[in-house]
């Protein structure tokens, strides 16, 4: 996985399927980047920022209790899921980008279906929308911080975490940093201090097929007839076959440079990806599900 201090971010810019009818206030593209991992602990005598120390402490405690299992392990698992649910797909992408001190380049792989002359405008529009939404979320979650802290203080005891304050605190932090990074990338891109590179990549076509099917399945579940009727011919096309985990693994390896540390199974094999590769595949699938939920919800509000 990519380090939080890596100067270069590799990601996907994948278009959502266009729906029939009037234009709606829905995201045009899905942004994805590999999850970033915490850097190694500083050497003895070196200082580390408060936020990084807090994140490292939380990760250690979460891993400890999840490994042990039991009620505390389930509590941390539930908290992690709740925290993940508070981040939109674009905010999740920005949270995986390094901070201003380290970010120097973003490389976005896109499928052949996207017009090359619209890439920059689409990316800029997505960042502007994300920045506005993050500003609104910052205000809401900031107001709720003392309330959630008080509720947890009254109802729960440490080391078992209360469910409200940690979720709200992470949502507040993600909104603040997401807004800051979106603004910084837009400004730096214009000034030329950050390089944004768009790479046409035929391997991303599989990821686009997977996203389209995820949107279709979500629309079916929510009974959004407009989306279902429009996408039925698309997903039933034999060329848009069911994308397997192994094919997603290959896409992540070839496009984003994932190193699974093991030899993949032979081409055409039904063998599942190895555990290291599987963690990337599962993360991609989760983010696609999140993005499809947001897209269908926006379409439903037209």
C-alpha atoms as a PDB file:
ATOM      1  CA  UNK A   1       0.000   0.000   0.000  1.00  0.00           C
ATOM      2  CA  UNK A   2       1.029   3.628  -0.516  1.00  0.00           C
ATOM      3  CA  UNK A   3       2.694   5.465   2.350  1.00  0.00           C
ATOM      4  CA  UNK A   4       0.961   8.559   3.711  1.00  0.00           C
ATOM      5  CA  UNK A   5       4.150  10.489   2.903  1.00  0.00           C
ATOM      6  CA  UNK A   6       4.501   9.289  -0.695  1.00  0.00           C
ATOM      7  CA  UNK A   7       4.781  12.299  -3.069  1.00  0.00           C
ATOM      8  CA  UNK A   8       2.841  10.550  -5.856  1.00  0.00           C
ATOM      9  CA  UNK A   9      -0.737   9.261  -5.759  1.00  0.00           C
ATOM     10  CA  UNK A  10      -1.997   6.778  -8.347  1.00  0.00           C
ATOM     11  CA  UNK A  11      -5.756   6.551  -8.760  1.00  0.00           C
ATOM     12  CA  UNK A  12      -8.741   5.879 -10.994  1.00  0.00           C
ATOM     13  CA  UNK A  13     -11.052   8.442 -12.563  1.00  0.00           C
ATOM     14  CA  UNK A  14     -14.040   6.405 -13.748  1.00  0.00           C
ATOM     15  CA  UNK A  15     -17.261   7.883 -15.204  1.00  0.00           C
ATOM     16  CA  UNK A  16     -20.573   6.957 -13.675  1.00  0.00           C
ATOM     17  CA  UNK A  17     -23.099   5.654 -16.220  1.00  0.00           C
ATOM     18  CA  UNK A  18     -25.139   8.459 -17.745  1.00  0.00           C
ATOM     19  CA  UNK A  19     -28.883   8.254 -17.149  1.00  0.00           C
ATOM     20  CA  UNK A  20     -31.691   9.136 -19.523  1.00  0.00           C
ATOM     21  CA  UNK A  21     -33.663  12.325 -19.034  1.00  0.00           C
ATOM     22  CA  UNK A  22     -32.851  15.713 -17.575  1.00  0.00           C
ATOM     23  CA  UNK A  23     -29.500  16.395 -16.030  1.00  0.00           C
ATOM     24  CA  UNK A  24     -29.254  15.779 -12.309  1.00  0.00           C
ATOM     25  CA  UNK A  25     -26.988  17.037  -9.567  1.00  0.00           C
ATOM     26  CA  UNK A  26     -25.108  13.753  -9.360  1.00  0.00           C
ATOM     27  CA  UNK A  27     -21.366  13.102  -9.461  1.00  0.00           C
ATOM     28  CA  UNK A  28     -20.055  12.484 -12.955  1.00  0.00           C
ATOM     29  CA  UNK A  29     -17.044  10.411 -11.952  1.00  0.00           C
ATOM     30  CA  UNK A  30     -15.839   8.035  -9.298  1.00  0.00           C
ATOM     31  CA  UNK A  31     -12.437   8.715  -7.741  1.00  0.00           C
ATOM     32  CA  UNK A  32     -10.381   5.931  -6.207  1.00  0.00           C
ATOM     33  CA  UNK A  33      -6.889   5.686  -4.736  1.00  0.00           C
ATOM     34  CA  UNK A  34      -5.185   2.861  -2.894  1.00  0.00           C
ATOM     35  CA  UNK A  35      -5.437   3.105   0.901  1.00  0.00           C
ATOM     36  CA  UNK A  36      -2.443   4.799   2.509  1.00  0.00           C
ATOM     37  CA  UNK A  37      -0.707   3.231   5.483  1.00  0.00           C
ATOM     38  CA  UNK A  38       0.907   4.912   8.451  1.00  0.00           C
ATOM     39  CA  UNK A  39       4.646   5.512   8.076  1.00  0.00           C
ATOM     40  CA  UNK A  40       7.090   3.616  10.321  1.00  0.00           C
ATOM     41  CA  UNK A  41       7.319   4.819  13.896  1.00  0.00           C
ATOM     42  CA  UNK A  42       9.911   7.589  14.380  1.00  0.00           C
ATOM     43  CA  UNK A  43      13.293   6.698  15.782  1.00  0.00           C
ATOM     44  CA  UNK A  44      13.904   7.193  19.486  1.00  0.00           C
ATOM     45  CA  UNK A  45      14.271  10.877  20.282  1.00  0.00           C
ATOM     46  CA  UNK A  46      12.359  12.060  17.193  1.00  0.00           C
ATOM     47  CA  UNK A  47       9.023  13.809  17.675  1.00  0.00           C
ATOM     48  CA  UNK A  48       5.774  12.916  15.953  1.00  0.00           C
ATOM     49  CA  UNK A  49       2.707  15.094  15.417  1.00  0.00           C
ATOM     50  CA  UNK A  50      -0.265  14.783  17.741  1.00  0.00           C
ATOM     51  CA  UNK A  51      -2.649  13.693  14.987  1.00  0.00           C
ATOM     52  CA  UNK A  52      -0.264  10.997  13.775  1.00  0.00           C
ATOM     53  CA  UNK A  53       0.280   9.748  17.339  1.00  0.00           C
ATOM     54  CA  UNK A  54      -3.472   9.583  17.886  1.00  0.00           C
ATOM     55  CA  UNK A  55      -4.009   7.667  14.644  1.00  0.00           C
ATOM     56  CA  UNK A  56      -1.215   5.232  15.468  1.00  0.00           C
ATOM     57  CA  UNK A  57      -2.611   4.690  18.977  1.00  0.00           C
ATOM     58  CA  UNK A  58      -6.108   4.068  17.635  1.00  0.00           C
ATOM     59  CA  UNK A  59      -4.823   1.618  15.017  1.00  0.00           C
ATOM     60  CA  UNK A  60      -2.872  -0.368  17.615  1.00  0.00           C
ATOM     61  CA  UNK A  61      -5.818  -0.524  19.988  1.00  0.00           C
ATOM     62  CA  UNK A  62      -8.241  -1.423  17.193  1.00  0.00           C
ATOM     63  CA  UNK A  63      -5.972  -4.207  15.911  1.00  0.00           C
ATOM     64  CA  UNK A  64      -5.460  -5.535  19.454  1.00  0.00           C
ATOM     65  CA  UNK A  65      -9.148  -5.863  20.294  1.00  0.00           C
ATOM     66  CA  UNK A  66     -10.167  -7.094  16.821  1.00  0.00           C
ATOM     67  CA  UNK A  67      -7.582  -9.860  17.112  1.00  0.00           C
ATOM     68  CA  UNK A  68      -8.861 -10.867  20.539  1.00  0.00           C
ATOM     69  CA  UNK A  69     -12.456 -10.790  19.354  1.00  0.00           C
ATOM     70  CA  UNK A  70     -15.304 -10.719  21.839  1.00  0.00           C
ATOM     71  CA  UNK A  71     -17.504  -7.747  22.641  1.00  0.00           C
ATOM     72  CA  UNK A  72     -14.698  -5.183  22.463  1.00  0.00           C
ATOM     73  CA  UNK A  73     -13.494  -6.528  19.129  1.00  0.00           C
ATOM     74  CA  UNK A  74     -17.006  -6.297  17.689  1.00  0.00           C
ATOM     75  CA  UNK A  75     -17.309  -2.764  19.097  1.00  0.00           C
ATOM     76  CA  UNK A  76     -14.163  -1.611  17.299  1.00  0.00           C
ATOM     77  CA  UNK A  77     -15.282  -3.316  14.078  1.00  0.00           C
ATOM     78  CA  UNK A  78     -18.636  -1.546  14.275  1.00  0.00           C
ATOM     79  CA  UNK A  79     -16.891   1.766  14.977  1.00  0.00           C
ATOM     80  CA  UNK A  80     -14.604   1.364  11.984  1.00  0.00           C
ATOM     81  CA  UNK A  81     -17.605   0.680   9.745  1.00  0.00           C
ATOM     82  CA  UNK A  82     -19.451   3.707  11.133  1.00  0.00           C
ATOM     83  CA  UNK A  83     -16.392   5.912  10.610  1.00  0.00           C
ATOM     84  CA  UNK A  84     -16.012   4.690   7.019  1.00  0.00           C
ATOM     85  CA  UNK A  85     -19.684   5.448   6.372  1.00  0.00           C
ATOM     86  CA  UNK A  86     -19.203   9.110   7.324  1.00  0.00           C
ATOM     87  CA  UNK A  87     -16.772   9.697   4.432  1.00  0.00           C
ATOM     88  CA  UNK A  88     -18.033  10.203   0.906  1.00  0.00           C
ATOM     89  CA  UNK A  89     -16.079   8.585  -1.934  1.00  0.00           C
ATOM     90  CA  UNK A  90     -14.315  11.867  -2.947  1.00  0.00           C
ATOM     91  CA  UNK A  91     -13.443  12.623   0.703  1.00  0.00           C
ATOM     92  CA  UNK A  92     -12.065   9.100   1.041  1.00  0.00           C
ATOM     93  CA  UNK A  93      -9.895   9.704  -2.026  1.00  0.00           C
ATOM     94  CA  UNK A  94      -8.558  12.960  -0.575  1.00  0.00           C
ATOM     95  CA  UNK A  95      -7.919  11.336   2.804  1.00  0.00           C
ATOM     96  CA  UNK A  96      -5.617   8.883   1.013  1.00  0.00           C
ATOM     97  CA  UNK A  97      -3.583  11.690  -0.524  1.00  0.00           C
ATOM     98  CA  UNK A  98      -0.549  12.914   1.448  1.00  0.00           C
ATOM     99  CA  UNK A  99      -0.564  16.321   3.115  1.00  0.00           C
ATOM    100  CA  UNK A 100       0.567  19.582   1.520  1.00  0.00           C
ATOM    101  CA  UNK A 101       4.195  19.061   2.511  1.00  0.00           C
ATOM    102  CA  UNK A 102       4.532  15.798   0.594  1.00  0.00           C
ATOM    103  CA  UNK A 103       2.035  15.783  -2.296  1.00  0.00           C
ATOM    104  CA  UNK A 104       3.700  16.530  -5.640  1.00  0.00           C
ATOM    105  CA  UNK A 105       1.809  14.553  -8.277  1.00  0.00           C
ATOM    106  CA  UNK A 106      -1.538  12.840  -8.863  1.00  0.00           C
ATOM    107  CA  UNK A 107      -1.712  10.288 -11.671  1.00  0.00           C
ATOM    108  CA  UNK A 108      -5.258   9.389 -12.667  1.00  0.00           C
ATOM    109  CA  UNK A 109      -5.918   6.399 -14.930  1.00  0.00           C
ATOM    110  CA  UNK A 110      -9.125   6.679 -16.956  1.00  0.00           C
ATOM    111  CA  UNK A 111     -10.961   4.385 -19.431  1.00  0.00           C
ATOM    112  CA  UNK A 112     -11.217   4.991 -23.155  1.00  0.00           C
ATOM    113  CA  UNK A 113     -14.898   5.960 -22.826  1.00  0.00           C
ATOM    114  CA  UNK A 114     -13.962   9.344 -21.322  1.00  0.00           C
ATOM    115  CA  UNK A 115     -13.365  12.256 -23.739  1.00  0.00           C
ATOM    116  CA  UNK A 116      -9.818  13.511 -23.240  1.00  0.00           C
ATOM    117  CA  UNK A 117     -10.779  17.181 -23.566  1.00  0.00           C
ATOM    118  CA  UNK A 118     -13.219  16.949 -20.621  1.00  0.00           C
ATOM    119  CA  UNK A 119     -10.897  15.340 -18.059  1.00  0.00           C
ATOM    120  CA  UNK A 120      -9.546  18.455 -16.359  1.00  0.00           C
ATOM    121  CA  UNK A 121     -12.959  20.168 -16.196  1.00  0.00           C
ATOM    122  CA  UNK A 122     -14.540  17.015 -14.764  1.00  0.00           C
ATOM    123  CA  UNK A 123     -11.832  16.619 -12.121  1.00  0.00           C
ATOM    124  CA  UNK A 124     -11.972  20.310 -11.172  1.00  0.00           C
ATOM    125  CA  UNK A 125     -15.770  20.221 -10.889  1.00  0.00           C
ATOM    126  CA  UNK A 126     -15.582  17.167  -8.628  1.00  0.00           C
ATOM    127  CA  UNK A 127     -13.064  18.881  -6.331  1.00  0.00           C
ATOM    128  CA  UNK A 128     -15.122  22.090  -6.146  1.00  0.00           C
ATOM    129  CA  UNK A 129     -18.276  20.142  -5.245  1.00  0.00           C
ATOM    130  CA  UNK A 130     -16.355  18.121  -2.650  1.00  0.00           C
ATOM    131  CA  UNK A 131     -14.902  21.283  -1.123  1.00  0.00           C
ATOM    132  CA  UNK A 132     -18.371  22.824  -0.703  1.00  0.00           C
ATOM    133  CA  UNK A 133     -19.792  19.652   0.821  1.00  0.00           C
ATOM    134  CA  UNK A 134     -16.815  19.295   3.161  1.00  0.00           C
ATOM    135  CA  UNK A 135     -17.289  22.893   4.352  1.00  0.00           C
ATOM    136  CA  UNK A 136     -20.916  22.174   5.224  1.00  0.00           C
ATOM    137  CA  UNK A 137     -20.023  18.903   6.958  1.00  0.00           C
ATOM    138  CA  UNK A 138     -17.281  20.637   8.963  1.00  0.00           C
ATOM    139  CA  UNK A 139     -19.822  23.028  10.462  1.00  0.00           C
ATOM    140  CA  UNK A 140     -22.333  20.287  11.294  1.00  0.00           C
ATOM    141  CA  UNK A 141     -19.853  17.812  12.799  1.00  0.00           C
ATOM    142  CA  UNK A 142     -18.049  20.599  14.673  1.00  0.00           C
ATOM    143  CA  UNK A 143     -21.273  21.655  16.396  1.00  0.00           C
ATOM    144  CA  UNK A 144     -21.946  18.029  17.372  1.00  0.00           C
ATOM    145  CA  UNK A 145     -18.505  17.409  18.945  1.00  0.00           C
ATOM    146  CA  UNK A 146     -19.301  18.599  22.505  1.00  0.00           C
ATOM    147  CA  UNK A 147     -22.699  16.892  22.375  1.00  0.00           C
ATOM    148  CA  UNK A 148     -21.340  13.488  21.334  1.00  0.00           C
ATOM    149  CA  UNK A 149     -18.503  13.762  23.851  1.00  0.00           C
ATOM    150  CA  UNK A 150     -20.966  14.425  26.664  1.00  0.00           C
ATOM    151  CA  UNK A 151     -23.192  11.512  25.653  1.00  0.00           C
ATOM    152  CA  UNK A 152     -20.233   9.096  25.528  1.00  0.00           C
ATOM    153  CA  UNK A 153     -18.930  10.359  28.860  1.00  0.00           C
ATOM    154  CA  UNK A 154     -22.244   9.624  30.532  1.00  0.00           C
ATOM    155  CA  UNK A 155     -23.019   6.281  28.917  1.00  0.00           C
ATOM    156  CA  UNK A 156     -19.698   4.501  28.289  1.00  0.00           C
ATOM    157  CA  UNK A 157     -16.471   3.621  30.073  1.00  0.00           C
ATOM    158  CA  UNK A 158     -12.949   3.301  28.685  1.00  0.00           C
ATOM    159  CA  UNK A 159     -11.098   1.339  27.340  1.00  0.00           C
ATOM    160  CA  UNK A 160     -14.383   0.465  25.609  1.00  0.00           C
ATOM    161  CA  UNK A 161     -14.958   3.429  23.260  1.00  0.00           C
ATOM    162  CA  UNK A 162     -18.264   5.221  23.090  1.00  0.00           C
ATOM    163  CA  UNK A 163     -19.840   5.049  19.649  1.00  0.00           C
ATOM    164  CA  UNK A 164     -20.672   8.709  19.069  1.00  0.00           C
ATOM    165  CA  UNK A 165     -17.686  10.954  19.756  1.00  0.00           C
ATOM    166  CA  UNK A 166     -15.027   8.925  17.845  1.00  0.00           C
ATOM    167  CA  UNK A 167     -17.254   8.731  14.776  1.00  0.00           C
ATOM    168  CA  UNK A 168     -18.086  12.443  14.902  1.00  0.00           C
ATOM    169  CA  UNK A 169     -14.452  13.409  15.571  1.00  0.00           C
ATOM    170  CA  UNK A 170     -13.182  11.422  12.583  1.00  0.00           C
ATOM    171  CA  UNK A 171     -15.948  12.841  10.372  1.00  0.00           C
ATOM    172  CA  UNK A 172     -14.998  16.361  11.502  1.00  0.00           C
ATOM    173  CA  UNK A 173     -11.289  15.735  10.847  1.00  0.00           C
ATOM    174  CA  UNK A 174     -11.975  14.138   7.451  1.00  0.00           C
ATOM    175  CA  UNK A 175     -14.152  17.100   6.429  1.00  0.00           C
ATOM    176  CA  UNK A 176     -11.562  19.671   7.533  1.00  0.00           C
ATOM    177  CA  UNK A 177      -8.649  17.938   5.819  1.00  0.00           C
ATOM    178  CA  UNK A 178     -10.751  17.071   2.752  1.00  0.00           C
ATOM    179  CA  UNK A 179     -11.750  20.698   2.285  1.00  0.00           C
ATOM    180  CA  UNK A 180      -8.164  21.846   2.795  1.00  0.00           C
ATOM    181  CA  UNK A 181      -6.712  19.295   0.345  1.00  0.00           C
ATOM    182  CA  UNK A 182      -9.348  19.964  -2.322  1.00  0.00           C
ATOM    183  CA  UNK A 183      -8.639  23.698  -2.129  1.00  0.00           C
ATOM    184  CA  UNK A 184      -4.890  23.151  -2.129  1.00  0.00           C
ATOM    185  CA  UNK A 185      -4.956  20.795  -5.128  1.00  0.00           C
ATOM    186  CA  UNK A 186      -7.116  23.194  -7.151  1.00  0.00           C
ATOM    187  CA  UNK A 187      -4.852  26.158  -6.397  1.00  0.00           C
ATOM    188  CA  UNK A 188      -1.585  24.251  -6.796  1.00  0.00           C
ATOM    189  CA  UNK A 189      -2.740  22.650 -10.029  1.00  0.00           C
ATOM    190  CA  UNK A 190      -3.403  26.116 -11.457  1.00  0.00           C
ATOM    191  CA  UNK A 191      -0.042  27.450 -10.241  1.00  0.00           C
ATOM    192  CA  UNK A 192       1.823  24.382 -11.437  1.00  0.00           C
ATOM    193  CA  UNK A 193       3.224  23.321  -8.057  1.00  0.00           C
ATOM    194  CA  UNK A 194       1.327  20.021  -8.282  1.00  0.00           C
ATOM    195  CA  UNK A 195       1.216  17.970 -11.444  1.00  0.00           C
ATOM    196  CA  UNK A 196      -2.001  16.210 -12.434  1.00  0.00           C
ATOM    197  CA  UNK A 197      -1.446  13.559 -15.082  1.00  0.00           C
ATOM    198  CA  UNK A 198      -4.308  11.824 -16.898  1.00  0.00           C
ATOM    199  CA  UNK A 199      -3.343   8.429 -18.315  1.00  0.00           C
ATOM    200  CA  UNK A 200      -5.605   6.567 -20.785  1.00  0.00           C
ATOM    201  CA  UNK A 201      -5.632   2.990 -19.574  1.00  0.00           C
ATOM    202  CA  UNK A 202      -7.532   0.109 -21.238  1.00  0.00           C
ATOM    203  CA  UNK A 203      -7.196  -1.905 -18.034  1.00  0.00           C
ATOM    204  CA  UNK A 204      -9.605   0.495 -16.320  1.00  0.00           C
ATOM    205  CA  UNK A 205     -12.418  -0.656 -18.622  1.00  0.00           C
ATOM    206  CA  UNK A 206     -12.937  -3.645 -16.313  1.00  0.00           C
ATOM    207  CA  UNK A 207     -13.220  -1.339 -13.322  1.00  0.00           C
ATOM    208  CA  UNK A 208     -15.743   0.774 -15.262  1.00  0.00           C
ATOM    209  CA  UNK A 209     -17.822  -2.346 -15.981  1.00  0.00           C
ATOM    210  CA  UNK A 210     -17.753  -3.231 -12.287  1.00  0.00           C
ATOM    211  CA  UNK A 211     -18.879   0.292 -11.325  1.00  0.00           C
ATOM    212  CA  UNK A 212     -21.737   0.208 -13.854  1.00  0.00           C
ATOM    213  CA  UNK A 213     -22.990  -3.123 -12.509  1.00  0.00           C
ATOM    214  CA  UNK A 214     -22.756  -1.819  -8.927  1.00  0.00           C
ATOM    215  CA  UNK A 215     -24.873   1.224  -9.862  1.00  0.00           C
ATOM    216  CA  UNK A 216     -27.388  -1.031 -11.630  1.00  0.00           C
ATOM    217  CA  UNK A 217     -27.686  -3.367  -8.628  1.00  0.00           C
ATOM    218  CA  UNK A 218     -28.097  -0.425  -6.250  1.00  0.00           C
ATOM    219  CA  UNK A 219     -30.773   1.124  -8.475  1.00  0.00           C
ATOM    220  CA  UNK A 220     -32.622  -2.208  -8.578  1.00  0.00           C
ATOM    221  CA  UNK A 221     -32.522  -2.404  -4.784  1.00  0.00           C
ATOM    222  CA  UNK A 222     -33.852   1.140  -4.439  1.00  0.00           C
ATOM    223  CA  UNK A 223     -36.359   0.628  -7.287  1.00  0.00           C
ATOM    224  CA  UNK A 224     -35.042   3.580  -9.297  1.00  0.00           C
ATOM    225  CA  UNK A 225     -36.812   2.658 -12.532  1.00  0.00           C
ATOM    226  CA  UNK A 226     -35.124   5.388 -14.615  1.00  0.00           C
ATOM    227  CA  UNK A 227     -31.628   4.057 -13.910  1.00  0.00           C
ATOM    228  CA  UNK A 228     -32.686   0.390 -14.114  1.00  0.00           C
ATOM    229  CA  UNK A 229     -34.383   0.741 -17.512  1.00  0.00           C
ATOM    230  CA  UNK A 230     -31.496   2.703 -18.964  1.00  0.00           C
ATOM    231  CA  UNK A 231     -28.757   0.366 -17.735  1.00  0.00           C
ATOM    232  CA  UNK A 232     -30.478  -2.974 -18.393  1.00  0.00           C
ATOM    233  CA  UNK A 233     -29.256  -3.155 -22.040  1.00  0.00           C
ATOM    234  CA  UNK A 234     -25.777  -2.104 -20.896  1.00  0.00           C
ATOM    235  CA  UNK A 235     -25.294  -4.714 -18.166  1.00  0.00           C
ATOM    236  CA  UNK A 236     -26.938  -7.460 -20.240  1.00  0.00           C
ATOM    237  CA  UNK A 237     -24.438  -6.956 -23.069  1.00  0.00           C
ATOM    238  CA  UNK A 238     -22.271 -10.123 -23.289  1.00  0.00           C
ATOM    239  CA  UNK A 239     -19.199  -7.884 -23.686  1.00  0.00           C
ATOM    240  CA  UNK A 240     -19.822  -6.472 -20.215  1.00  0.00           C
ATOM    241  CA  UNK A 241     -19.253  -9.794 -18.497  1.00  0.00           C
ATOM    242  CA  UNK A 242     -19.230 -10.328 -14.753  1.00  0.00           C
ATOM    243  CA  UNK A 243     -15.912  -8.991 -13.457  1.00  0.00           C
ATOM    244  CA  UNK A 244     -14.112 -11.470 -11.203  1.00  0.00           C
ATOM    245  CA  UNK A 245     -11.928 -10.703  -8.206  1.00  0.00           C
ATOM    246  CA  UNK A 246      -8.908 -11.973 -10.086  1.00  0.00           C
ATOM    247  CA  UNK A 247      -9.565  -9.544 -12.962  1.00  0.00           C
ATOM    248  CA  UNK A 248      -9.869  -6.685 -10.481  1.00  0.00           C
ATOM    249  CA  UNK A 249      -6.587  -7.795  -8.948  1.00  0.00           C
ATOM    250  CA  UNK A 250      -4.921  -7.673 -12.370  1.00  0.00           C
ATOM    251  CA  UNK A 251      -6.361  -4.202 -13.010  1.00  0.00           C
ATOM    252  CA  UNK A 252      -5.016  -2.881  -9.713  1.00  0.00           C
ATOM    253  CA  UNK A 253      -1.631  -4.473 -10.359  1.00  0.00           C
ATOM    254  CA  UNK A 254      -1.214  -3.196 -13.915  1.00  0.00           C
ATOM    255  CA  UNK A 255      -2.741   0.263 -13.462  1.00  0.00           C
ATOM    256  CA  UNK A 256      -1.876   1.286  -9.899  1.00  0.00           C
ATOM    257  CA  UNK A 257       1.308  -0.713  -9.442  1.00  0.00           C
ATOM    258  CA  UNK A 258       0.046  -2.913  -6.626  1.00  0.00           C
ATOM    259  CA  UNK A 259       2.739  -5.329  -5.487  1.00  0.00           C
ATOM    260  CA  UNK A 260       1.089  -8.453  -4.083  1.00  0.00           C
ATOM    261  CA  UNK A 261       4.471 -10.021  -3.196  1.00  0.00           C
ATOM    262  CA  UNK A 262       3.350 -13.359  -4.658  1.00  0.00           C
ATOM    263  CA  UNK A 263       2.986 -14.813  -8.116  1.00  0.00           C
ATOM    264  CA  UNK A 264      -0.640 -14.534  -9.319  1.00  0.00           C
ATOM    265  CA  UNK A 265      -2.491 -17.665 -10.441  1.00  0.00           C
ATOM    266  CA  UNK A 266      -2.241 -18.577 -14.137  1.00  0.00           C
ATOM    267  CA  UNK A 267      -4.361 -16.638 -16.601  1.00  0.00           C
ATOM    268  CA  UNK A 268      -7.826 -18.158 -16.785  1.00  0.00           C
ATOM    269  CA  UNK A 269      -7.479 -19.788 -13.383  1.00  0.00           C
ATOM    270  CA  UNK A 270     -10.466 -19.652 -11.018  1.00  0.00           C
ATOM    271  CA  UNK A 271      -8.136 -19.429  -8.044  1.00  0.00           C
ATOM    272  CA  UNK A 272      -8.890 -16.510  -5.737  1.00  0.00           C
ATOM    273  CA  UNK A 273      -6.364 -13.666  -5.306  1.00  0.00           C
ATOM    274  CA  UNK A 274      -3.777 -14.174  -2.590  1.00  0.00           C
ATOM    275  CA  UNK A 275      -4.513 -12.518   0.783  1.00  0.00           C
ATOM    276  CA  UNK A 276      -2.383  -9.433   0.115  1.00  0.00           C
ATOM    277  CA  UNK A 277      -3.997  -8.784  -3.251  1.00  0.00           C
ATOM    278  CA  UNK A 278      -7.408  -9.616  -1.809  1.00  0.00           C
ATOM    279  CA  UNK A 279      -7.149  -6.730   0.661  1.00  0.00           C
ATOM    280  CA  UNK A 280      -6.821  -4.320  -2.283  1.00  0.00           C
ATOM    281  CA  UNK A 281      -9.670  -5.969  -4.179  1.00  0.00           C
ATOM    282  CA  UNK A 282     -11.992  -5.849  -1.169  1.00  0.00           C
ATOM    283  CA  UNK A 283     -11.121  -2.203  -0.544  1.00  0.00           C
ATOM    284  CA  UNK A 284     -11.873  -1.299  -4.162  1.00  0.00           C
ATOM    285  CA  UNK A 285     -15.189  -3.143  -4.040  1.00  0.00           C
ATOM    286  CA  UNK A 286     -16.200  -1.384  -0.822  1.00  0.00           C
ATOM    287  CA  UNK A 287     -15.392   2.036  -2.269  1.00  0.00           C
ATOM    288  CA  UNK A 288     -17.319   1.240  -5.459  1.00  0.00           C
ATOM    289  CA  UNK A 289     -20.354   0.259  -3.368  1.00  0.00           C
ATOM    290  CA  UNK A 290     -20.077   3.532  -1.466  1.00  0.00           C
ATOM    291  CA  UNK A 291     -19.794   5.534  -4.687  1.00  0.00           C
ATOM    292  CA  UNK A 292     -22.761   3.749  -6.289  1.00  0.00           C
ATOM    293  CA  UNK A 293     -24.931   4.451  -3.224  1.00  0.00           C
ATOM    294  CA  UNK A 294     -24.095   8.156  -3.400  1.00  0.00           C
ATOM    295  CA  UNK A 295     -24.756   8.279  -7.145  1.00  0.00           C
ATOM    296  CA  UNK A 296     -28.148   6.526  -7.015  1.00  0.00           C
ATOM    297  CA  UNK A 297     -29.199   8.660  -4.038  1.00  0.00           C
ATOM    298  CA  UNK A 298     -28.387  11.839  -5.960  1.00  0.00           C
ATOM    299  CA  UNK A 299     -30.219  10.625  -9.045  1.00  0.00           C
ATOM    300  CA  UNK A 300     -33.282   9.847  -6.933  1.00  0.00           C
ATOM    301  CA  UNK A 301     -33.348  13.482  -5.753  1.00  0.00           C
ATOM    302  CA  UNK A 302     -33.700  14.948  -9.217  1.00  0.00           C
END
